[in-house]
């Protein structure tokens, strides 16, 4: 528990609030198809909600992935959203760290993200050069492809990240 919010697994009762949160925070981006996949799949997605009382104030999802030919489970972080009025209060970082703890306990070796290097770098992420995203990235986005090892001694690997089908949309990987 954090000072004025809790982090918990999201459930079916959170779906409408999660959709509204992303509409409020990522105006202009249609994440509906991605959210449909993330919020329905429970076996290969860790979906966490930050709540203050009965109000949803943040959400994060981690999709379980792998690299072809490598016997390690990894996770793709995204999307992440925090209610505009609650941003810059540590909620996003808390969701990420809670996810790290849960994923590490489940044997997930590495987390990958396509996101702002300044933000994710503060949390320990660094540019990923060995694991390729599902689609080629434009040059200016390459530094945004990052990873963080969760388990000590996880084997370095090379190859393309194999993601759940709801991530197989080129527009999610391009400006």
N, C-alpha and C. Protein backbone atom coordinates (compact mmCIF):
# COMPACT_ATOMS: atom_id res chain seq x y z
N UNK A 1 0.85 -1.19 0.00
CA UNK A 1 0.00 0.00 0.00
C UNK A 1 0.89 1.24 0.00
N UNK A 2 0.47 2.22 -0.75
CA UNK A 2 1.19 3.48 -0.84
C UNK A 2 0.43 4.52 -0.03
N UNK A 3 0.98 5.69 0.08
CA UNK A 3 0.41 6.72 0.95
C UNK A 3 -1.09 6.93 0.74
N UNK A 4 -1.51 7.15 -0.49
CA UNK A 4 -2.94 7.41 -0.70
C UNK A 4 -3.52 6.62 -1.86
N UNK A 5 -2.88 5.52 -2.22
CA UNK A 5 -3.42 4.66 -3.27
C UNK A 5 -2.93 3.24 -3.08
N UNK A 6 -3.65 2.32 -3.69
CA UNK A 6 -3.30 0.90 -3.65
C UNK A 6 -3.04 0.43 -5.07
N UNK A 7 -2.21 -0.61 -5.20
CA UNK A 7 -1.99 -1.27 -6.48
C UNK A 7 -2.49 -2.70 -6.34
N UNK A 8 -3.31 -3.11 -7.30
CA UNK A 8 -3.87 -4.47 -7.28
C UNK A 8 -4.04 -4.95 -8.71
N UNK A 9 -4.27 -6.27 -8.84
CA UNK A 9 -4.59 -6.80 -10.17
C UNK A 9 -5.93 -6.21 -10.61
N UNK A 10 -6.02 -5.84 -11.87
CA UNK A 10 -7.30 -5.35 -12.37
C UNK A 10 -8.20 -6.54 -12.65
N UNK A 11 -9.49 -6.27 -12.67
CA UNK A 11 -10.46 -7.33 -12.92
C UNK A 11 -11.50 -6.89 -13.93
N UNK A 12 -12.44 -7.77 -14.25
CA UNK A 12 -13.47 -7.43 -15.24
C UNK A 12 -14.26 -6.17 -14.88
N UNK A 13 -14.44 -5.91 -13.61
CA UNK A 13 -15.18 -4.72 -13.19
C UNK A 13 -14.45 -3.41 -13.44
N UNK A 14 -13.17 -3.49 -13.80
CA UNK A 14 -12.37 -2.29 -14.05
C UNK A 14 -12.32 -1.87 -15.52
N UNK A 15 -12.82 -2.71 -16.41
CA UNK A 15 -12.60 -2.50 -17.84
C UNK A 15 -13.09 -1.13 -18.31
N UNK A 16 -14.29 -0.73 -17.96
CA UNK A 16 -14.80 0.57 -18.43
C UNK A 16 -13.98 1.73 -17.87
N UNK A 17 -13.58 1.63 -16.61
CA UNK A 17 -12.75 2.69 -16.02
C UNK A 17 -11.38 2.76 -16.67
N UNK A 18 -10.82 1.60 -17.01
CA UNK A 18 -9.52 1.57 -17.69
C UNK A 18 -9.63 2.21 -19.06
N UNK A 19 -10.68 1.87 -19.80
CA UNK A 19 -10.88 2.48 -21.13
C UNK A 19 -11.00 4.01 -21.01
N UNK A 20 -11.77 4.47 -20.03
CA UNK A 20 -11.96 5.91 -19.84
C UNK A 20 -10.63 6.58 -19.46
N UNK A 21 -9.82 5.92 -18.66
CA UNK A 21 -8.52 6.46 -18.27
C UNK A 21 -7.64 6.67 -19.50
N UNK A 22 -7.57 5.69 -20.39
CA UNK A 22 -6.74 5.83 -21.59
C UNK A 22 -7.31 6.89 -22.54
N UNK A 23 -8.60 7.01 -22.63
CA UNK A 23 -9.19 8.08 -23.46
C UNK A 23 -8.79 9.45 -22.91
N UNK A 24 -8.75 9.58 -21.59
CA UNK A 24 -8.41 10.87 -20.97
C UNK A 24 -6.92 11.18 -21.07
N UNK A 25 -6.08 10.18 -21.03
CA UNK A 25 -4.64 10.43 -20.99
C UNK A 25 -3.96 10.35 -22.35
N UNK A 26 -4.51 9.59 -23.26
CA UNK A 26 -3.88 9.41 -24.58
C UNK A 26 -4.83 9.82 -25.69
N UNK A 27 -5.37 11.01 -25.56
CA UNK A 27 -6.31 11.52 -26.57
C UNK A 27 -5.64 11.49 -27.94
N UNK A 28 -6.39 11.06 -28.92
CA UNK A 28 -5.85 10.99 -30.27
C UNK A 28 -5.27 9.64 -30.64
N UNK A 29 -5.04 8.79 -29.66
CA UNK A 29 -4.55 7.44 -29.94
C UNK A 29 -5.69 6.45 -29.71
N UNK A 30 -5.95 5.61 -30.68
CA UNK A 30 -6.99 4.59 -30.52
C UNK A 30 -6.34 3.29 -30.05
N UNK A 31 -6.39 3.07 -28.76
CA UNK A 31 -5.84 1.85 -28.19
C UNK A 31 -6.89 0.78 -27.98
N UNK A 32 -8.10 1.00 -28.49
CA UNK A 32 -9.19 0.04 -28.26
C UNK A 32 -8.83 -1.39 -28.63
N UNK A 33 -8.29 -1.66 -29.83
CA UNK A 33 -7.96 -3.05 -30.16
C UNK A 33 -6.91 -3.65 -29.22
N UNK A 34 -5.93 -2.85 -28.83
CA UNK A 34 -4.91 -3.33 -27.90
C UNK A 34 -5.53 -3.60 -26.53
N UNK A 35 -6.33 -2.67 -26.05
CA UNK A 35 -6.98 -2.86 -24.75
C UNK A 35 -7.91 -4.06 -24.76
N UNK A 36 -8.61 -4.27 -25.88
CA UNK A 36 -9.48 -5.45 -25.98
C UNK A 36 -8.69 -6.72 -25.70
N UNK A 37 -7.52 -6.84 -26.30
CA UNK A 37 -6.69 -8.02 -26.08
C UNK A 37 -6.13 -8.09 -24.68
N UNK A 38 -5.63 -6.97 -24.19
CA UNK A 38 -5.00 -6.95 -22.87
C UNK A 38 -5.98 -7.23 -21.74
N UNK A 39 -7.17 -6.68 -21.84
CA UNK A 39 -8.11 -6.78 -20.72
C UNK A 39 -8.91 -8.06 -20.72
N UNK A 40 -8.93 -8.76 -21.83
CA UNK A 40 -9.66 -10.02 -21.90
C UNK A 40 -8.75 -11.20 -21.57
N UNK A 41 -7.50 -11.12 -22.00
CA UNK A 41 -6.56 -12.22 -21.78
C UNK A 41 -6.07 -12.19 -20.34
N UNK A 42 -6.18 -13.26 -19.65
CA UNK A 42 -5.71 -13.30 -18.26
C UNK A 42 -4.53 -14.24 -18.10
N UNK A 43 -4.29 -15.13 -19.06
CA UNK A 43 -3.23 -16.11 -18.89
C UNK A 43 -1.85 -15.57 -19.23
N UNK A 44 -1.75 -14.61 -20.14
CA UNK A 44 -0.43 -14.11 -20.52
C UNK A 44 -0.32 -12.59 -20.41
N UNK A 45 -1.14 -11.99 -19.54
CA UNK A 45 -1.08 -10.55 -19.29
C UNK A 45 -1.18 -10.30 -17.79
N UNK A 46 -0.29 -9.45 -17.28
CA UNK A 46 -0.40 -8.95 -15.92
C UNK A 46 -0.95 -7.54 -16.04
N UNK A 47 -2.16 -7.32 -15.57
CA UNK A 47 -2.84 -6.03 -15.66
C UNK A 47 -3.05 -5.51 -14.24
N UNK A 48 -2.45 -4.36 -13.94
CA UNK A 48 -2.51 -3.80 -12.60
C UNK A 48 -3.24 -2.46 -12.61
N UNK A 49 -3.99 -2.21 -11.55
CA UNK A 49 -4.73 -0.96 -11.39
C UNK A 49 -4.25 -0.26 -10.13
N UNK A 50 -4.10 1.05 -10.22
CA UNK A 50 -3.86 1.89 -9.04
C UNK A 50 -5.19 2.55 -8.71
N UNK A 51 -5.60 2.43 -7.46
CA UNK A 51 -6.88 3.00 -7.05
C UNK A 51 -6.70 3.86 -5.81
N UNK A 52 -7.50 4.91 -5.73
CA UNK A 52 -7.59 5.74 -4.54
C UNK A 52 -9.05 5.67 -4.12
N UNK A 53 -9.30 4.96 -3.04
CA UNK A 53 -10.69 4.67 -2.68
C UNK A 53 -11.28 3.79 -3.76
N UNK A 54 -12.41 4.21 -4.31
CA UNK A 54 -13.05 3.46 -5.39
C UNK A 54 -12.70 3.99 -6.78
N UNK A 55 -11.78 4.94 -6.85
CA UNK A 55 -11.45 5.59 -8.12
C UNK A 55 -10.19 5.02 -8.73
N UNK A 56 -10.29 4.61 -9.99
CA UNK A 56 -9.12 4.14 -10.73
C UNK A 56 -8.30 5.36 -11.13
N UNK A 57 -7.02 5.38 -10.73
CA UNK A 57 -6.16 6.52 -11.04
C UNK A 57 -4.97 6.13 -11.90
N UNK A 58 -4.77 4.83 -12.13
CA UNK A 58 -3.66 4.40 -12.97
C UNK A 58 -3.83 2.97 -13.42
N UNK A 59 -3.17 2.63 -14.51
CA UNK A 59 -3.22 1.27 -15.04
C UNK A 59 -1.92 0.97 -15.78
N UNK A 60 -1.51 -0.28 -15.72
CA UNK A 60 -0.37 -0.76 -16.48
C UNK A 60 -0.64 -2.20 -16.89
N UNK A 61 -0.07 -2.58 -18.02
CA UNK A 61 -0.16 -3.97 -18.47
C UNK A 61 1.22 -4.46 -18.86
N UNK A 62 1.47 -5.72 -18.59
CA UNK A 62 2.68 -6.42 -19.01
C UNK A 62 2.23 -7.66 -19.76
N UNK A 63 2.64 -7.79 -21.01
CA UNK A 63 2.29 -8.96 -21.83
C UNK A 63 3.45 -9.94 -21.82
N UNK A 64 3.17 -11.20 -21.53
CA UNK A 64 4.23 -12.21 -21.50
C UNK A 64 4.64 -12.53 -22.94
N UNK A 65 5.95 -12.54 -23.17
CA UNK A 65 6.53 -12.72 -24.50
C UNK A 65 7.72 -13.66 -24.41
N UNK A 66 8.33 -13.88 -25.55
CA UNK A 66 9.57 -14.67 -25.60
C UNK A 66 10.34 -14.28 -26.85
N UNK A 67 11.57 -14.73 -26.90
CA UNK A 67 12.38 -14.59 -28.11
C UNK A 67 12.45 -15.96 -28.74
N UNK A 68 12.23 -16.01 -30.04
CA UNK A 68 12.21 -17.29 -30.75
C UNK A 68 13.48 -18.08 -30.47
N UNK A 69 13.31 -19.33 -30.06
CA UNK A 69 14.43 -20.22 -29.80
C UNK A 69 15.06 -20.08 -28.43
N UNK A 70 14.57 -19.19 -27.60
CA UNK A 70 15.14 -18.95 -26.27
C UNK A 70 14.12 -19.39 -25.23
N UNK A 71 14.60 -20.14 -24.24
CA UNK A 71 13.71 -20.66 -23.20
C UNK A 71 13.67 -19.72 -21.99
N UNK A 72 13.29 -18.47 -22.23
CA UNK A 72 13.11 -17.50 -21.16
C UNK A 72 11.82 -16.74 -21.42
N UNK A 73 11.04 -16.56 -20.37
CA UNK A 73 9.84 -15.74 -20.50
C UNK A 73 10.22 -14.29 -20.20
N UNK A 74 9.70 -13.39 -21.01
CA UNK A 74 9.93 -11.96 -20.85
C UNK A 74 8.58 -11.26 -20.84
N UNK A 75 8.60 -9.97 -20.58
CA UNK A 75 7.35 -9.20 -20.58
C UNK A 75 7.55 -7.91 -21.35
N UNK A 76 6.51 -7.51 -22.07
CA UNK A 76 6.47 -6.23 -22.75
C UNK A 76 5.59 -5.30 -21.92
N UNK A 77 6.15 -4.19 -21.47
CA UNK A 77 5.43 -3.22 -20.66
C UNK A 77 4.65 -2.28 -21.58
N UNK A 78 3.38 -2.13 -21.31
CA UNK A 78 2.60 -1.16 -22.04
C UNK A 78 1.18 -1.65 -22.25
N UNK A 79 0.29 -0.73 -22.32
CA UNK A 79 0.47 0.68 -22.06
C UNK A 79 0.47 0.99 -20.57
N UNK A 80 0.82 2.22 -20.26
CA UNK A 80 0.82 2.75 -18.90
C UNK A 80 0.09 4.08 -18.94
N UNK A 81 -0.83 4.28 -18.00
CA UNK A 81 -1.55 5.57 -17.93
C UNK A 81 -1.82 5.92 -16.48
N UNK A 82 -1.74 7.21 -16.19
CA UNK A 82 -2.10 7.75 -14.88
C UNK A 82 -3.02 8.94 -15.13
N UNK A 83 -4.07 9.03 -14.34
CA UNK A 83 -5.03 10.13 -14.49
C UNK A 83 -4.29 11.47 -14.51
N UNK A 84 -4.65 12.36 -15.43
CA UNK A 84 -3.91 13.63 -15.57
C UNK A 84 -3.74 14.39 -14.26
N UNK A 85 -4.76 14.43 -13.44
CA UNK A 85 -4.67 15.18 -12.18
C UNK A 85 -3.81 14.49 -11.13
N UNK A 86 -3.40 13.24 -11.39
CA UNK A 86 -2.58 12.49 -10.43
C UNK A 86 -1.17 12.21 -10.96
N UNK A 87 -0.82 12.78 -12.10
CA UNK A 87 0.52 12.56 -12.65
C UNK A 87 1.57 13.29 -11.82
N UNK A 88 2.80 12.80 -11.91
CA UNK A 88 3.97 13.34 -11.19
C UNK A 88 3.84 13.16 -9.68
N UNK A 89 3.14 12.10 -9.28
CA UNK A 89 3.01 11.78 -7.86
C UNK A 89 3.55 10.38 -7.54
N UNK A 90 4.28 9.78 -8.48
CA UNK A 90 4.89 8.48 -8.24
C UNK A 90 3.99 7.29 -8.53
N UNK A 91 2.82 7.51 -9.07
CA UNK A 91 1.88 6.42 -9.31
C UNK A 91 2.37 5.52 -10.45
N UNK A 92 2.82 6.11 -11.55
CA UNK A 92 3.34 5.31 -12.66
C UNK A 92 4.54 4.47 -12.23
N UNK A 93 5.47 5.08 -11.51
CA UNK A 93 6.64 4.34 -11.02
C UNK A 93 6.23 3.22 -10.07
N UNK A 94 5.25 3.48 -9.23
CA UNK A 94 4.78 2.45 -8.30
C UNK A 94 4.15 1.28 -9.06
N UNK A 95 3.38 1.57 -10.09
CA UNK A 95 2.79 0.49 -10.90
C UNK A 95 3.89 -0.34 -11.56
N UNK A 96 4.90 0.33 -12.10
CA UNK A 96 6.00 -0.39 -12.75
C UNK A 96 6.74 -1.26 -11.74
N UNK A 97 7.10 -0.71 -10.61
CA UNK A 97 7.85 -1.48 -9.60
C UNK A 97 7.04 -2.64 -9.05
N UNK A 98 5.75 -2.43 -8.83
CA UNK A 98 4.90 -3.53 -8.38
C UNK A 98 4.87 -4.63 -9.43
N UNK A 99 4.77 -4.23 -10.70
CA UNK A 99 4.82 -5.20 -11.79
C UNK A 99 6.13 -5.97 -11.80
N UNK A 100 7.25 -5.27 -11.61
CA UNK A 100 8.56 -5.94 -11.56
C UNK A 100 8.57 -7.02 -10.49
N UNK A 101 8.07 -6.69 -9.30
CA UNK A 101 8.08 -7.65 -8.19
C UNK A 101 7.24 -8.88 -8.53
N UNK A 102 6.07 -8.66 -9.07
CA UNK A 102 5.19 -9.79 -9.41
C UNK A 102 5.77 -10.63 -10.54
N UNK A 103 6.31 -9.97 -11.56
CA UNK A 103 6.88 -10.70 -12.70
C UNK A 103 8.11 -11.48 -12.28
N UNK A 104 8.98 -10.86 -11.50
CA UNK A 104 10.18 -11.55 -11.03
C UNK A 104 9.83 -12.78 -10.21
N UNK A 105 8.82 -12.65 -9.36
CA UNK A 105 8.38 -13.79 -8.55
C UNK A 105 7.82 -14.91 -9.42
N UNK A 106 7.33 -14.58 -10.61
CA UNK A 106 6.80 -15.58 -11.55
C UNK A 106 7.86 -16.09 -12.52
N UNK A 107 9.11 -15.68 -12.33
CA UNK A 107 10.19 -16.19 -13.16
C UNK A 107 10.38 -15.47 -14.49
N UNK A 108 9.81 -14.29 -14.64
CA UNK A 108 10.01 -13.51 -15.86
C UNK A 108 11.42 -12.91 -15.80
N UNK A 109 12.21 -13.13 -16.84
CA UNK A 109 13.62 -12.75 -16.80
C UNK A 109 13.90 -11.29 -17.16
N UNK A 110 13.08 -10.71 -18.02
CA UNK A 110 13.39 -9.39 -18.56
C UNK A 110 12.09 -8.68 -18.92
N UNK A 111 12.11 -7.34 -18.78
CA UNK A 111 10.98 -6.50 -19.21
C UNK A 111 11.49 -5.58 -20.32
N UNK A 112 10.71 -5.48 -21.39
CA UNK A 112 11.03 -4.60 -22.51
C UNK A 112 9.96 -3.53 -22.62
N UNK A 113 10.35 -2.37 -23.15
CA UNK A 113 9.39 -1.27 -23.31
C UNK A 113 9.81 -0.41 -24.50
N UNK A 114 8.83 0.14 -25.18
CA UNK A 114 9.06 1.17 -26.18
C UNK A 114 8.51 2.44 -25.56
N UNK A 115 9.41 3.26 -25.02
CA UNK A 115 8.95 4.44 -24.28
C UNK A 115 10.05 5.45 -24.08
N UNK A 116 9.72 6.54 -23.44
CA UNK A 116 10.62 7.67 -23.21
C UNK A 116 11.86 7.23 -22.43
N UNK A 117 13.05 7.32 -23.03
CA UNK A 117 14.27 6.90 -22.32
C UNK A 117 14.52 7.68 -21.03
N UNK A 118 14.15 8.95 -20.98
CA UNK A 118 14.37 9.72 -19.75
C UNK A 118 13.52 9.17 -18.61
N UNK A 119 12.27 8.85 -18.89
CA UNK A 119 11.38 8.32 -17.85
C UNK A 119 11.79 6.91 -17.45
N UNK A 120 11.90 6.01 -18.42
CA UNK A 120 12.18 4.62 -18.10
C UNK A 120 13.62 4.41 -17.65
N UNK A 121 14.54 5.28 -18.08
CA UNK A 121 15.92 5.19 -17.62
C UNK A 121 16.03 5.38 -16.11
N UNK A 122 15.19 6.23 -15.54
CA UNK A 122 15.18 6.43 -14.07
C UNK A 122 14.82 5.16 -13.33
N UNK A 123 14.14 4.25 -14.00
CA UNK A 123 13.70 3.01 -13.38
C UNK A 123 14.64 1.84 -13.68
N UNK A 124 15.76 2.14 -14.35
CA UNK A 124 16.77 1.11 -14.60
C UNK A 124 16.81 0.56 -16.01
N UNK A 125 15.93 1.00 -16.88
CA UNK A 125 15.93 0.52 -18.26
C UNK A 125 17.11 1.11 -19.03
N UNK A 126 17.61 0.37 -20.01
CA UNK A 126 18.63 0.87 -20.92
C UNK A 126 18.31 0.39 -22.33
N UNK A 127 18.90 1.06 -23.31
CA UNK A 127 18.62 0.74 -24.71
C UNK A 127 18.89 -0.73 -24.99
N UNK A 128 17.99 -1.36 -25.70
CA UNK A 128 18.09 -2.80 -26.05
C UNK A 128 18.53 -2.93 -27.50
N UNK A 129 19.67 -3.57 -27.72
CA UNK A 129 20.20 -3.74 -29.07
C UNK A 129 20.12 -5.18 -29.57
N UNK A 130 19.95 -6.14 -28.67
CA UNK A 130 20.02 -7.55 -29.06
C UNK A 130 18.66 -8.18 -29.36
N UNK A 131 17.63 -7.71 -28.68
CA UNK A 131 16.28 -8.23 -28.91
C UNK A 131 15.54 -7.22 -29.78
N UNK A 132 15.12 -7.67 -30.94
CA UNK A 132 14.43 -6.78 -31.88
C UNK A 132 12.94 -6.74 -31.57
N UNK A 133 12.33 -5.55 -31.72
CA UNK A 133 10.87 -5.48 -31.56
C UNK A 133 10.18 -6.20 -32.71
N UNK A 134 8.88 -6.44 -32.61
CA UNK A 134 8.16 -7.18 -33.65
C UNK A 134 8.18 -6.52 -35.02
N UNK A 135 8.31 -5.19 -35.05
CA UNK A 135 8.36 -4.44 -36.30
C UNK A 135 9.59 -3.53 -36.25
N UNK A 136 10.19 -3.24 -37.40
CA UNK A 136 11.33 -2.31 -37.42
C UNK A 136 10.89 -0.94 -36.89
N UNK A 137 11.80 -0.29 -36.18
CA UNK A 137 11.52 1.04 -35.64
C UNK A 137 12.19 2.10 -36.51
N UNK A 138 11.56 3.26 -36.64
CA UNK A 138 12.21 4.37 -37.32
C UNK A 138 13.41 4.80 -36.48
N UNK A 139 14.41 5.40 -37.12
CA UNK A 139 15.68 5.72 -36.45
C UNK A 139 15.49 6.50 -35.15
N UNK A 140 14.62 7.49 -35.16
CA UNK A 140 14.48 8.32 -33.95
C UNK A 140 13.82 7.57 -32.78
N UNK A 141 13.18 6.46 -33.07
CA UNK A 141 12.56 5.68 -31.99
C UNK A 141 13.48 4.59 -31.45
N UNK A 142 14.59 4.30 -32.09
CA UNK A 142 15.44 3.19 -31.63
C UNK A 142 15.91 3.35 -30.19
N UNK A 143 16.30 4.55 -29.73
CA UNK A 143 16.70 4.67 -28.32
C UNK A 143 15.55 4.39 -27.34
N UNK A 144 14.31 4.45 -27.82
CA UNK A 144 13.15 4.21 -26.95
C UNK A 144 12.90 2.72 -26.73
N UNK A 145 13.55 1.85 -27.50
CA UNK A 145 13.40 0.40 -27.32
C UNK A 145 14.40 0.00 -26.24
N UNK A 146 13.87 -0.37 -25.05
CA UNK A 146 14.70 -0.56 -23.86
C UNK A 146 14.33 -1.84 -23.14
N UNK A 147 15.25 -2.28 -22.28
CA UNK A 147 14.95 -3.46 -21.46
C UNK A 147 15.61 -3.34 -20.10
N UNK A 148 15.16 -4.21 -19.21
CA UNK A 148 15.68 -4.30 -17.85
C UNK A 148 15.63 -5.76 -17.44
N UNK A 149 16.77 -6.30 -16.98
CA UNK A 149 16.81 -7.68 -16.48
C UNK A 149 16.20 -7.71 -15.09
N UNK A 150 15.28 -8.64 -14.86
CA UNK A 150 14.66 -8.79 -13.55
C UNK A 150 15.36 -9.84 -12.70
N UNK A 151 15.92 -10.85 -13.36
CA UNK A 151 16.54 -11.96 -12.64
C UNK A 151 18.04 -11.93 -12.83
N UNK A 152 18.78 -12.06 -11.74
CA UNK A 152 20.23 -12.16 -11.83
C UNK A 152 20.60 -13.41 -12.60
N UNK A 153 21.58 -13.28 -13.47
CA UNK A 153 22.03 -14.45 -14.21
C UNK A 153 21.17 -14.80 -15.40
N UNK A 154 20.23 -13.93 -15.78
CA UNK A 154 19.43 -14.25 -16.96
C UNK A 154 20.35 -14.22 -18.18
N UNK A 155 20.17 -15.18 -19.04
CA UNK A 155 21.04 -15.35 -20.20
C UNK A 155 20.77 -14.27 -21.24
N UNK A 156 21.84 -13.60 -21.72
CA UNK A 156 21.63 -12.65 -22.81
C UNK A 156 21.08 -13.39 -24.03
N UNK A 157 20.28 -12.74 -24.82
CA UNK A 157 19.73 -13.41 -25.99
C UNK A 157 19.62 -12.45 -27.16
N UNK A 158 19.59 -13.02 -28.34
CA UNK A 158 19.45 -12.28 -29.58
C UNK A 158 18.25 -12.84 -30.33
N UNK A 159 17.54 -11.97 -31.02
CA UNK A 159 16.43 -12.43 -31.84
C UNK A 159 15.28 -11.45 -31.79
N UNK A 160 14.20 -11.82 -32.42
CA UNK A 160 13.00 -10.98 -32.47
C UNK A 160 12.05 -11.38 -31.35
N UNK A 161 11.46 -10.37 -30.73
CA UNK A 161 10.49 -10.60 -29.66
C UNK A 161 9.20 -11.16 -30.26
N UNK A 162 8.73 -12.26 -29.71
CA UNK A 162 7.46 -12.87 -30.12
C UNK A 162 6.41 -12.38 -29.12
N UNK A 163 5.42 -11.65 -29.63
CA UNK A 163 4.42 -11.00 -28.78
C UNK A 163 3.04 -11.59 -29.02
N UNK A 164 2.10 -11.43 -28.07
CA UNK A 164 0.71 -11.85 -28.31
C UNK A 164 0.14 -11.11 -29.52
N UNK A 165 -0.85 -11.73 -30.16
CA UNK A 165 -1.37 -11.20 -31.43
C UNK A 165 -1.92 -9.78 -31.33
N UNK A 166 -2.41 -9.37 -30.16
CA UNK A 166 -2.96 -8.02 -30.06
C UNK A 166 -1.88 -6.94 -30.18
N UNK A 167 -0.61 -7.31 -30.06
CA UNK A 167 0.50 -6.38 -30.28
C UNK A 167 0.95 -6.35 -31.74
N UNK A 168 0.41 -7.24 -32.56
CA UNK A 168 0.85 -7.34 -33.96
C UNK A 168 0.09 -6.36 -34.85
N UNK A 169 0.26 -5.09 -34.55
CA UNK A 169 -0.32 -4.00 -35.33
C UNK A 169 0.80 -3.00 -35.60
N UNK A 170 1.21 -2.84 -36.84
CA UNK A 170 2.35 -1.96 -37.15
C UNK A 170 2.21 -0.55 -36.59
N UNK A 171 1.00 -0.04 -36.52
CA UNK A 171 0.81 1.34 -36.03
C UNK A 171 1.19 1.50 -34.56
N UNK A 172 1.26 0.42 -33.81
CA UNK A 172 1.71 0.51 -32.42
C UNK A 172 3.22 0.72 -32.31
N UNK A 173 3.92 0.48 -33.40
CA UNK A 173 5.38 0.51 -33.41
C UNK A 173 5.93 1.62 -34.30
N UNK A 174 5.11 2.57 -34.70
CA UNK A 174 5.53 3.65 -35.59
C UNK A 174 4.91 4.97 -35.12
N UNK A 175 5.57 6.09 -35.47
CA UNK A 175 5.01 7.40 -35.08
C UNK A 175 3.71 7.70 -35.79
